[in-house]
Structure formats: structure tokens, C-alpha cells
Amino acid sequence: MTEVYADSANQGSCKRDGYPDQTFWMCYVQGAHTPTYFYLTEAAARKEAERLASLPDNQGRRVFLLKAVAMCVAPPIIEWKEVKG
């Protein structure tokens, strides 16, 4: 289940789990962990990128704003085979 958080610091909403069914942005700090929050507006993502860039551990690191432009889903393939016996 996707949880939506009101992010007053960024004046927008972000999602931590699940996948949004609309355009979203993520912030990636070079050399850091994989992004975990989805931002529903570019403005909210930019504010978060600025906040991340200003953290002491991120000094000198680039913060990239990533925008989802498309997605695809591969259905699971279930194959049955008879066994001898």
C-alpha cells in the first residue's frame, strides 16, 4: 500500500512506498543511497534537492533531480510442465 506524506517543508507531497501512477520526481545524491521518496511536484523535489545539498555529509556532492517519463510492467510468466512419474 502506498502511503502519501504531507511534506510541509517542501510544500508538496511525497510518497515513500509503492509507485505513483502519475509523473513524479526523485532526488539522487551522487555517491549516496538509492532515492526512496517520490515527489508529486517538481517544486517539492527541487526544495528537497536544495535541502539534501546543504546537509554536511553531502557537501561537494551533486544532487540530481530525476523525472519519471514512462514505465513498463512485465507480467509474470507462469509455465506448467508435466513431470514423469
PDB file of N, CA and C in Angstrom:
ATOM      1  N   MET A   1       0.843  -1.184   0.000  1.00  0.00           N
ATOM      2  CA  MET A   1       0.000   0.000   0.000  1.00  0.00           C
ATOM      3  C   MET A   1       0.882   1.238   0.000  1.00  0.00           C
ATOM      4  N   THR A   2       0.547   2.204  -0.815  1.00  0.00           N
ATOM      5  CA  THR A   2       1.316   3.430  -0.906  1.00  0.00           C
ATOM      6  C   THR A   2       0.857   4.420   0.154  1.00  0.00           C
ATOM      7  N   GLU A   3       1.808   4.977   0.865  1.00  0.00           N
ATOM      8  CA  GLU A   3       1.489   6.000   1.848  1.00  0.00           C
ATOM      9  C   GLU A   3       1.890   7.350   1.291  1.00  0.00           C
ATOM     10  N   VAL A   4       1.039   8.339   1.445  1.00  0.00           N
ATOM     11  CA  VAL A   4       1.345   9.693   0.992  1.00  0.00           C
ATOM     12  C   VAL A   4       1.581  10.550   2.225  1.00  0.00           C
ATOM     13  N   TYR A   5       2.665  11.277   2.218  1.00  0.00           N
ATOM     14  CA  TYR A   5       3.026  12.120   3.348  1.00  0.00           C
ATOM     15  C   TYR A   5       2.898  13.579   2.956  1.00  0.00           C
ATOM     16  N   ALA A   6       2.258  14.365   3.804  1.00  0.00           N
ATOM     17  CA  ALA A   6       2.254  15.810   3.601  1.00  0.00           C
ATOM     18  C   ALA A   6       3.636  16.304   3.996  1.00  0.00           C
ATOM     19  N   ASP A   7       4.296  16.939   3.081  1.00  0.00           N
ATOM     20  CA  ASP A   7       5.664  17.390   3.305  1.00  0.00           C
ATOM     21  C   ASP A   7       5.661  18.913   3.374  1.00  0.00           C
ATOM     22  N   SER A   8       5.379  19.452   4.537  1.00  0.00           N
ATOM     23  CA  SER A   8       5.233  20.894   4.679  1.00  0.00           C
ATOM     24  C   SER A   8       6.524  21.634   4.371  1.00  0.00           C
ATOM     25  N   ALA A   9       7.671  21.022   4.629  1.00  0.00           N
ATOM     26  CA  ALA A   9       8.949  21.680   4.342  1.00  0.00           C
ATOM     27  C   ALA A   9       9.116  21.904   2.846  1.00  0.00           C
ATOM     28  N   ASN A  10       8.565  21.003   2.055  1.00  0.00           N
ATOM     29  CA  ASN A  10       8.686  21.114   0.604  1.00  0.00           C
ATOM     30  C   ASN A  10       7.414  21.623  -0.060  1.00  0.00           C
ATOM     31  N   GLN A  11       6.406  21.925   0.714  1.00  0.00           N
ATOM     32  CA  GLN A  11       5.134  22.432   0.215  1.00  0.00           C
ATOM     33  C   GLN A  11       4.567  21.524  -0.877  1.00  0.00           C
ATOM     34  N   GLY A  12       4.600  20.250  -0.643  1.00  0.00           N
ATOM     35  CA  GLY A  12       4.070  19.290  -1.596  1.00  0.00           C
ATOM     36  C   GLY A  12       3.880  17.962  -0.912  1.00  0.00           C
ATOM     37  N   SER A  13       3.677  16.943  -1.679  1.00  0.00           N
ATOM     38  CA  SER A  13       3.515  15.618  -1.116  1.00  0.00           C
ATOM     39  C   SER A  13       4.600  14.706  -1.640  1.00  0.00           C
ATOM     40  N   CYS A  14       4.959  13.740  -0.854  1.00  0.00           N
ATOM     41  CA  CYS A  14       5.921  12.749  -1.307  1.00  0.00           C
ATOM     42  C   CYS A  14       5.406  11.380  -0.934  1.00  0.00           C
ATOM     43  N   LYS A  15       5.818  10.380  -1.689  1.00  0.00           N
ATOM     44  CA  LYS A  15       5.440   9.006  -1.428  1.00  0.00           C
ATOM     45  C   LYS A  15       6.701   8.221  -1.151  1.00  0.00           C
ATOM     46  N   ARG A  16       6.621   7.342  -0.188  1.00  0.00           N
ATOM     47  CA  ARG A  16       7.790   6.541   0.143  1.00  0.00           C
ATOM     48  C   ARG A  16       7.695   5.127  -0.413  1.00  0.00           C
ATOM     49  N   ASP A  17       6.523   4.568  -0.468  1.00  0.00           N
ATOM     50  CA  ASP A  17       6.348   3.185  -0.896  1.00  0.00           C
ATOM     51  C   ASP A  17       5.399   3.123  -2.083  1.00  0.00           C
ATOM     52  N   GLY A  18       5.515   2.064  -2.848  1.00  0.00           N
ATOM     53  CA  GLY A  18       4.640   1.894  -3.994  1.00  0.00           C
ATOM     54  C   GLY A  18       5.139   2.697  -5.182  1.00  0.00           C
ATOM     55  N   TYR A  19       4.316   2.773  -6.203  1.00  0.00           N
ATOM     56  CA  TYR A  19       4.682   3.504  -7.408  1.00  0.00           C
ATOM     57  C   TYR A  19       3.548   4.422  -7.795  1.00  0.00           C
ATOM     58  N   PRO A  20       3.820   5.711  -7.936  1.00  0.00           N
ATOM     59  CA  PRO A  20       2.765   6.633  -8.350  1.00  0.00           C
ATOM     60  C   PRO A  20       2.290   6.316  -9.770  1.00  0.00           C
ATOM     61  N   ASP A  21       1.035   6.588 -10.058  1.00  0.00           N
ATOM     62  CA  ASP A  21       0.509   6.366 -11.397  1.00  0.00           C
ATOM     63  C   ASP A  21       0.455   7.675 -12.181  1.00  0.00           C
ATOM     64  N   GLN A  22       1.334   8.598 -11.827  1.00  0.00           N
ATOM     65  CA  GLN A  22       1.418   9.894 -12.489  1.00  0.00           C
ATOM     66  C   GLN A  22       2.894  10.307 -12.515  1.00  0.00           C
ATOM     67  N   THR A  23       3.197  11.388 -13.198  1.00  0.00           N
ATOM     68  CA  THR A  23       4.566  11.884 -13.235  1.00  0.00           C
ATOM     69  C   THR A  23       5.041  12.182 -11.821  1.00  0.00           C
ATOM     70  N   PHE A  24       6.297  11.812 -11.544  1.00  0.00           N
ATOM     71  CA  PHE A  24       6.877  12.101 -10.236  1.00  0.00           C
ATOM     72  C   PHE A  24       8.355  12.396 -10.405  1.00  0.00           C
ATOM     73  N   TRP A  25       8.961  12.950  -9.362  1.00  0.00           N
ATOM     74  CA  TRP A  25      10.379  13.286  -9.347  1.00  0.00           C
ATOM     75  C   TRP A  25      11.026  12.625  -8.147  1.00  0.00           C
ATOM     76  N   MET A  26      12.327  12.381  -8.263  1.00  0.00           N
ATOM     77  CA  MET A  26      13.119  11.843  -7.157  1.00  0.00           C
ATOM     78  C   MET A  26      14.431  12.617  -7.113  1.00  0.00           C
ATOM     79  N   CYS A  27      15.044  12.663  -5.937  1.00  0.00           N
ATOM     80  CA  CYS A  27      16.336  13.323  -5.771  1.00  0.00           C
ATOM     81  C   CYS A  27      17.399  12.255  -5.551  1.00  0.00           C
ATOM     82  N   TYR A  28      18.464  12.354  -6.321  1.00  0.00           N
ATOM     83  CA  TYR A  28      19.571  11.405  -6.177  1.00  0.00           C
ATOM     84  C   TYR A  28      20.830  12.171  -5.805  1.00  0.00           C
ATOM     85  N   VAL A  29      21.421  11.814  -4.675  1.00  0.00           N
ATOM     86  CA  VAL A  29      22.680  12.411  -4.236  1.00  0.00           C
ATOM     87  C   VAL A  29      23.799  11.505  -4.724  1.00  0.00           C
ATOM     88  N   GLN A  30      24.706  12.077  -5.528  1.00  0.00           N
ATOM     89  CA  GLN A  30      25.805  11.303  -6.091  1.00  0.00           C
ATOM     90  C   GLN A  30      26.598  10.608  -4.990  1.00  0.00           C
ATOM     91  N   GLY A  31      26.780   9.302  -5.138  1.00  0.00           N
ATOM     92  CA  GLY A  31      27.541   8.528  -4.173  1.00  0.00           C
ATOM     93  C   GLY A  31      26.786   8.167  -2.914  1.00  0.00           C
ATOM     94  N   ALA A  32      25.495   8.448  -2.878  1.00  0.00           N
ATOM     95  CA  ALA A  32      24.688   8.141  -1.690  1.00  0.00           C
ATOM     96  C   ALA A  32      23.753   6.964  -1.998  1.00  0.00           C
ATOM     97  N   HIS A  33      22.844   6.711  -1.091  1.00  0.00           N
ATOM     98  CA  HIS A  33      21.898   5.611  -1.239  1.00  0.00           C
ATOM     99  C   HIS A  33      20.910   5.872  -2.370  1.00  0.00           C
ATOM    100  N   THR A  34      20.215   4.826  -2.759  1.00  0.00           N
ATOM    101  CA  THR A  34      19.174   4.921  -3.773  1.00  0.00           C
ATOM    102  C   THR A  34      18.044   5.816  -3.271  1.00  0.00           C
ATOM    103  N   PRO A  35      17.469   6.663  -4.145  1.00  0.00           N
ATOM    104  CA  PRO A  35      16.339   7.501  -3.715  1.00  0.00           C
ATOM    105  C   PRO A  35      15.174   6.650  -3.212  1.00  0.00           C
ATOM    106  N   THR A  36      14.481   7.142  -2.188  1.00  0.00           N
ATOM    107  CA  THR A  36      13.356   6.396  -1.635  1.00  0.00           C
ATOM    108  C   THR A  36      12.048   7.172  -1.634  1.00  0.00           C
ATOM    109  N   TYR A  37      12.080   8.460  -1.887  1.00  0.00           N
ATOM    110  CA  TYR A  37      10.863   9.266  -1.870  1.00  0.00           C
ATOM    111  C   TYR A  37      10.502   9.728  -3.274  1.00  0.00           C
ATOM    112  N   PHE A  38       9.198   9.688  -3.588  1.00  0.00           N
ATOM    113  CA  PHE A  38       8.662  10.201  -4.835  1.00  0.00           C
ATOM    114  C   PHE A  38       8.014  11.543  -4.536  1.00  0.00           C
ATOM    115  N   TYR A  39       8.346  12.570  -5.295  1.00  0.00           N
ATOM    116  CA  TYR A  39       7.736  13.897  -5.120  1.00  0.00           C
ATOM    117  C   TYR A  39       6.738  14.127  -6.239  1.00  0.00           C
ATOM    118  N   LEU A  40       5.564  14.586  -5.885  1.00  0.00           N
ATOM    119  CA  LEU A  40       4.479  14.722  -6.845  1.00  0.00           C
ATOM    120  C   LEU A  40       4.514  16.029  -7.615  1.00  0.00           C
ATOM    121  N   THR A  41       5.373  16.959  -7.193  1.00  0.00           N
ATOM    122  CA  THR A  41       5.561  18.203  -7.946  1.00  0.00           C
ATOM    123  C   THR A  41       7.055  18.463  -8.104  1.00  0.00           C
ATOM    124  N   GLU A  42       7.417  19.114  -9.192  1.00  0.00           N
ATOM    125  CA  GLU A  42       8.821  19.461  -9.415  1.00  0.00           C
ATOM    126  C   GLU A  42       9.304  20.444  -8.361  1.00  0.00           C
ATOM    127  N   ALA A  43       8.436  21.363  -7.973  1.00  0.00           N
ATOM    128  CA  ALA A  43       8.813  22.356  -6.961  1.00  0.00           C
ATOM    129  C   ALA A  43       9.184  21.686  -5.645  1.00  0.00           C
ATOM    130  N   ALA A  44       8.402  20.698  -5.235  1.00  0.00           N
ATOM    131  CA  ALA A  44       8.705  19.984  -3.986  1.00  0.00           C
ATOM    132  C   ALA A  44      10.022  19.237  -4.105  1.00  0.00           C
ATOM    133  N   ALA A  45      10.276  18.624  -5.260  1.00  0.00           N
ATOM    134  CA  ALA A  45      11.527  17.891  -5.463  1.00  0.00           C
ATOM    135  C   ALA A  45      12.726  18.842  -5.463  1.00  0.00           C
ATOM    136  N   ARG A  46      12.581  20.007  -6.052  1.00  0.00           N
ATOM    137  CA  ARG A  46      13.678  20.982  -6.070  1.00  0.00           C
ATOM    138  C   ARG A  46      14.013  21.462  -4.654  1.00  0.00           C
ATOM    139  N   LYS A  47      12.995  21.711  -3.866  1.00  0.00           N
ATOM    140  CA  LYS A  47      13.243  22.130  -2.479  1.00  0.00           C
ATOM    141  C   LYS A  47      13.972  21.036  -1.704  1.00  0.00           C
ATOM    142  N   GLU A  48      13.573  19.788  -1.934  1.00  0.00           N
ATOM    143  CA  GLU A  48      14.234  18.675  -1.266  1.00  0.00           C
ATOM    144  C   GLU A  48      15.675  18.538  -1.754  1.00  0.00           C
ATOM    145  N   ALA A  49      15.908  18.732  -3.039  1.00  0.00           N
ATOM    146  CA  ALA A  49      17.268  18.670  -3.585  1.00  0.00           C
ATOM    147  C   ALA A  49      18.154  19.736  -2.933  1.00  0.00           C
ATOM    148  N   GLU A  50      17.623  20.930  -2.761  1.00  0.00           N
ATOM    149  CA  GLU A  50      18.373  22.002  -2.093  1.00  0.00           C
ATOM    150  C   GLU A  50      18.675  21.631  -0.641  1.00  0.00           C
ATOM    151  N   ARG A  51      17.690  21.041   0.029  1.00  0.00           N
ATOM    152  CA  ARG A  51      17.899  20.635   1.415  1.00  0.00           C
ATOM    153  C   ARG A  51      18.977  19.557   1.504  1.00  0.00           C
ATOM    154  N   LEU A  52      18.892  18.568   0.622  1.00  0.00           N
ATOM    155  CA  LEU A  52      19.887  17.499   0.622  1.00  0.00           C
ATOM    156  C   LEU A  52      21.284  18.032   0.324  1.00  0.00           C
ATOM    157  N   ALA A  53      21.389  18.956  -0.623  1.00  0.00           N
ATOM    158  CA  ALA A  53      22.692  19.517  -0.993  1.00  0.00           C
ATOM    159  C   ALA A  53      23.326  20.291   0.158  1.00  0.00           C
ATOM    160  N   SER A  54      22.496  20.835   1.034  1.00  0.00           N
ATOM    161  CA  SER A  54      23.019  21.647   2.132  1.00  0.00           C
ATOM    162  C   SER A  54      23.420  20.825   3.366  1.00  0.00           C
ATOM    163  N   LEU A  55      23.122  19.534   3.367  1.00  0.00           N
ATOM    164  CA  LEU A  55      23.492  18.699   4.513  1.00  0.00           C
ATOM    165  C   LEU A  55      25.014  18.546   4.589  1.00  0.00           C
ATOM    166  N   PRO A  56      25.574  18.554   5.796  1.00  0.00           N
ATOM    167  CA  PRO A  56      27.034  18.451   5.943  1.00  0.00           C
ATOM    168  C   PRO A  56      27.650  17.235   5.245  1.00  0.00           C
ATOM    169  N   ASP A  57      26.987  16.092   5.290  1.00  0.00           N
ATOM    170  CA  ASP A  57      27.526  14.886   4.645  1.00  0.00           C
ATOM    171  C   ASP A  57      27.512  14.964   3.120  1.00  0.00           C
ATOM    172  N   ASN A  58      26.743  15.900   2.573  1.00  0.00           N
ATOM    173  CA  ASN A  58      26.611  15.997   1.115  1.00  0.00           C
ATOM    174  C   ASN A  58      27.400  17.155   0.519  1.00  0.00           C
ATOM    175  N   GLN A  59      28.197  17.861   1.305  1.00  0.00           N
ATOM    176  CA  GLN A  59      28.962  18.990   0.793  1.00  0.00           C
ATOM    177  C   GLN A  59      29.854  18.528  -0.357  1.00  0.00           C
ATOM    178  N   GLY A  60      29.768  19.209  -1.494  1.00  0.00           N
ATOM    179  CA  GLY A  60      30.575  18.882  -2.659  1.00  0.00           C
ATOM    180  C   GLY A  60      29.974  17.804  -3.551  1.00  0.00           C
ATOM    181  N   ARG A  61      28.896  17.172  -3.122  1.00  0.00           N
ATOM    182  CA  ARG A  61      28.243  16.140  -3.939  1.00  0.00           C
ATOM    183  C   ARG A  61      27.174  16.782  -4.820  1.00  0.00           C
ATOM    184  N   ARG A  62      26.992  16.221  -5.986  1.00  0.00           N
ATOM    185  CA  ARG A  62      25.929  16.689  -6.877  1.00  0.00           C
ATOM    186  C   ARG A  62      24.616  16.036  -6.479  1.00  0.00           C
ATOM    187  N   VAL A  63      23.544  16.807  -6.551  1.00  0.00           N
ATOM    188  CA  VAL A  63      22.203  16.281  -6.293  1.00  0.00           C
ATOM    189  C   VAL A  63      21.427  16.386  -7.603  1.00  0.00           C
ATOM    190  N   PHE A  64      21.005  15.250  -8.118  1.00  0.00           N
ATOM    191  CA  PHE A  64      20.291  15.201  -9.385  1.00  0.00           C
ATOM    192  C   PHE A  64      18.793  15.098  -9.151  1.00  0.00           C
ATOM    193  N   LEU A  65      18.034  15.807  -9.968  1.00  0.00           N
ATOM    194  CA  LEU A  65      16.585  15.737  -9.948  1.00  0.00           C
ATOM    195  C   LEU A  65      16.176  14.788 -11.069  1.00  0.00           C
ATOM    196  N   LEU A  66      15.550  13.677 -10.716  1.00  0.00           N
ATOM    197  CA  LEU A  66      15.151  12.669 -11.686  1.00  0.00           C
ATOM    198  C   LEU A  66      13.646  12.743 -11.921  1.00  0.00           C
ATOM    199  N   LYS A  67      13.246  12.727 -13.189  1.00  0.00           N
ATOM    200  CA  LYS A  67      11.827  12.784 -13.539  1.00  0.00           C
ATOM    201  C   LYS A  67      11.434  11.491 -14.248  1.00  0.00           C
ATOM    202  N   ALA A  68      10.368  10.872 -13.786  1.00  0.00           N
ATOM    203  CA  ALA A  68       9.852   9.678 -14.448  1.00  0.00           C
ATOM    204  C   ALA A  68       9.128  10.115 -15.716  1.00  0.00           C
ATOM    205  N   VAL A  69       9.518   9.531 -16.842  1.00  0.00           N
ATOM    206  CA  VAL A  69       8.887   9.893 -18.112  1.00  0.00           C
ATOM    207  C   VAL A  69       8.031   8.758 -18.678  1.00  0.00           C
ATOM    208  N   ALA A  70       8.272   7.542 -18.221  1.00  0.00           N
ATOM    209  CA  ALA A  70       7.498   6.400 -18.691  1.00  0.00           C
ATOM    210  C   ALA A  70       7.740   5.226 -17.752  1.00  0.00           C
ATOM    211  N   MET A  71       6.920   4.204 -17.896  1.00  0.00           N
ATOM    212  CA  MET A  71       7.116   2.983 -17.117  1.00  0.00           C
ATOM    213  C   MET A  71       6.601   1.798 -17.913  1.00  0.00           C
ATOM    214  N   CYS A  72       7.077   0.645 -17.573  1.00  0.00           N
ATOM    215  CA  CYS A  72       6.544  -0.567 -18.181  1.00  0.00           C
ATOM    216  C   CYS A  72       6.460  -1.631 -17.098  1.00  0.00           C
ATOM    217  N   VAL A  73       5.593  -2.578 -17.313  1.00  0.00           N
ATOM    218  CA  VAL A  73       5.412  -3.665 -16.355  1.00  0.00           C
ATOM    219  C   VAL A  73       5.407  -4.967 -17.137  1.00  0.00           C
ATOM    220  N   ALA A  74       6.252  -5.870 -16.714  1.00  0.00           N
ATOM    221  CA  ALA A  74       6.272  -7.198 -17.337  1.00  0.00           C
ATOM    222  C   ALA A  74       5.392  -8.128 -16.519  1.00  0.00           C
ATOM    223  N   PRO A  75       4.400  -8.730 -17.150  1.00  0.00           N
ATOM    224  CA  PRO A  75       3.552  -9.653 -16.396  1.00  0.00           C
ATOM    225  C   PRO A  75       4.344 -10.898 -16.014  1.00  0.00           C
ATOM    226  N   PRO A  76       4.013 -11.476 -14.882  1.00  0.00           N
ATOM    227  CA  PRO A  76       4.699 -12.721 -14.522  1.00  0.00           C
ATOM    228  C   PRO A  76       4.307 -13.829 -15.497  1.00  0.00           C
ATOM    229  N   ILE A  77       5.270 -14.617 -15.842  1.00  0.00           N
ATOM    230  CA  ILE A  77       5.015 -15.723 -16.749  1.00  0.00           C
ATOM    231  C   ILE A  77       4.974 -17.004 -15.921  1.00  0.00           C
ATOM    232  N   ILE A  78       3.855 -17.685 -15.984  1.00  0.00           N
ATOM    233  CA  ILE A  78       3.699 -18.947 -15.265  1.00  0.00           C
ATOM    234  C   ILE A  78       3.619 -20.050 -16.304  1.00  0.00           C
ATOM    235  N   GLU A  79       4.494 -20.996 -16.177  1.00  0.00           N
ATOM    236  CA  GLU A  79       4.533 -22.103 -17.136  1.00  0.00           C
ATOM    237  C   GLU A  79       4.418 -23.413 -16.387  1.00  0.00           C
ATOM    238  N   TRP A  80       3.488 -24.252 -16.810  1.00  0.00           N
ATOM    239  CA  TRP A  80       3.293 -25.561 -16.200  1.00  0.00           C
ATOM    240  C   TRP A  80       3.918 -26.628 -17.091  1.00  0.00           C
ATOM    241  N   LYS A  81       4.613 -27.548 -16.461  1.00  0.00           N
ATOM    242  CA  LYS A  81       5.163 -28.679 -17.185  1.00  0.00           C
ATOM    243  C   LYS A  81       4.815 -29.952 -16.436  1.00  0.00           C
ATOM    244  N   GLU A  82       4.397 -30.948 -17.187  1.00  0.00           N
ATOM    245  CA  GLU A  82       4.069 -32.225 -16.582  1.00  0.00           C
ATOM    246  C   GLU A  82       5.368 -32.964 -16.232  1.00  0.00           C
ATOM    247  N   VAL A  83       5.344 -33.671 -15.118  1.00  0.00           N
ATOM    248  CA  VAL A  83       6.500 -34.451 -14.714  1.00  0.00           C
ATOM    249  C   VAL A  83       6.180 -35.933 -14.905  1.00  0.00           C
ATOM    250  N   LYS A  84       7.193 -36.667 -15.166  1.00  0.00           N
ATOM    251  CA  LYS A  84       7.008 -38.116 -15.324  1.00  0.00           C
ATOM    252  C   LYS A  84       6.994 -38.770 -13.944  1.00  0.00           C
ATOM    253  N   GLY A  85       6.166 -39.739 -13.813  1.00  0.00           N
ATOM    254  CA  GLY A  85       6.204 -40.445 -12.557  1.00  0.00           C
ATOM    255  C   GLY A  85       4.941 -40.931 -12.139  1.00  0.00           C
TER     256      GLY A  85
END
